[in-house]
């Protein structure tokens, strides 16, 4: 299980979510299913301290909004 930050862009809206999934490709497909028509991009660099989410109490394929919003532009 991994945890990555993903940027979601849909028209003028742009925001970040955190995803817990089986792998990076699975994380992107989960975000695409949650936000159809939006573009999903993994944000780098990936934080190695939280990348491997073993023993996590979170549910696999979970999408969590991140606090910080990005400016449209």
Protein backbone atom coordinates (compact mmCIF):
# COMPACT_ATOMS: atom_id res chain seq x y z
CA UNK A 1 0.00 0.00 0.00
CA UNK A 2 1.29 3.47 -0.92
CA UNK A 3 0.24 7.04 -0.22
CA UNK A 4 0.75 9.80 -2.81
CA UNK A 5 -0.39 13.36 -3.43
CA UNK A 6 -2.23 13.90 -6.70
CA UNK A 7 -3.09 17.20 -8.38
CA UNK A 8 -6.56 17.25 -9.94
CA UNK A 9 -7.30 19.76 -12.74
CA UNK A 10 -10.77 20.24 -14.19
CA UNK A 11 -11.30 23.44 -16.12
CA UNK A 12 -10.39 26.36 -13.82
CA UNK A 13 -10.51 24.16 -10.70
CA UNK A 14 -7.19 22.82 -9.46
CA UNK A 15 -6.66 21.09 -6.13
CA UNK A 16 -4.68 18.33 -4.43
CA UNK A 17 -5.82 15.06 -2.91
CA UNK A 18 -3.97 12.37 -1.01
CA UNK A 19 -4.57 8.81 -2.19
CA UNK A 20 -3.99 5.47 -0.47
CA UNK A 21 -3.79 2.70 -3.09
CA UNK A 22 -2.04 -0.48 -4.24
CA UNK A 23 0.32 1.47 -6.50
CA UNK A 24 0.79 4.76 -8.34
CA UNK A 25 -1.20 3.70 -11.43
CA UNK A 26 -4.02 2.49 -9.19
CA UNK A 27 -3.98 5.80 -7.30
CA UNK A 28 -4.40 7.70 -10.58
CA UNK A 29 -7.26 5.44 -11.69
CA UNK A 30 -9.02 5.92 -8.32
CA UNK A 31 -8.77 9.71 -8.67
CA UNK A 32 -10.00 9.53 -12.28
CA UNK A 33 -13.02 7.51 -11.11
CA UNK A 34 -13.78 10.08 -8.39
CA UNK A 35 -13.34 13.07 -10.73
CA UNK A 36 -14.40 11.96 -14.25
CA UNK A 37 -13.07 14.21 -16.99
CA UNK A 38 -10.43 15.77 -14.75
CA UNK A 39 -6.69 15.43 -15.32
CA UNK A 40 -4.85 13.68 -12.47
CA UNK A 41 -1.08 14.02 -11.99
CA UNK A 42 1.14 12.58 -9.26
CA UNK A 43 3.04 15.32 -7.45
CA UNK A 44 6.79 14.93 -7.10
CA UNK A 45 8.91 14.66 -5.11
CA UNK A 46 7.16 11.86 -3.24
CA UNK A 47 7.71 12.02 0.53
CA UNK A 48 9.58 8.78 1.39
CA UNK A 49 8.47 8.96 5.04
CA UNK A 50 4.78 8.49 4.14
CA UNK A 51 5.02 6.73 0.74
CA UNK A 52 4.71 3.21 2.15
CA UNK A 53 1.49 3.15 4.15
CA UNK A 54 1.89 -0.28 5.73
CA UNK A 55 -0.06 -0.68 8.94
CA UNK A 56 -2.21 2.31 8.05
CA UNK A 57 -5.71 2.49 9.49
CA UNK A 58 -6.92 4.18 6.29
CA UNK A 59 -8.99 2.27 3.74
CA UNK A 60 -7.32 1.21 0.45
CA UNK A 61 -8.37 3.34 -2.55
CA UNK A 62 -9.24 6.21 -0.22
CA UNK A 63 -9.05 9.76 -1.56
CA UNK A 64 -8.49 12.48 1.05
CA UNK A 65 -8.56 16.19 0.24
CA UNK A 66 -5.45 18.14 1.16
CA UNK A 67 -5.86 21.40 3.05
CA UNK A 68 -3.89 23.69 0.73
CA UNK A 69 -5.68 24.76 -2.45
CA UNK A 70 -3.78 25.85 -5.52
CA UNK A 71 -4.50 29.08 -7.34
CA UNK A 72 -6.08 28.77 -10.76
CA UNK A 73 -3.87 30.13 -13.38
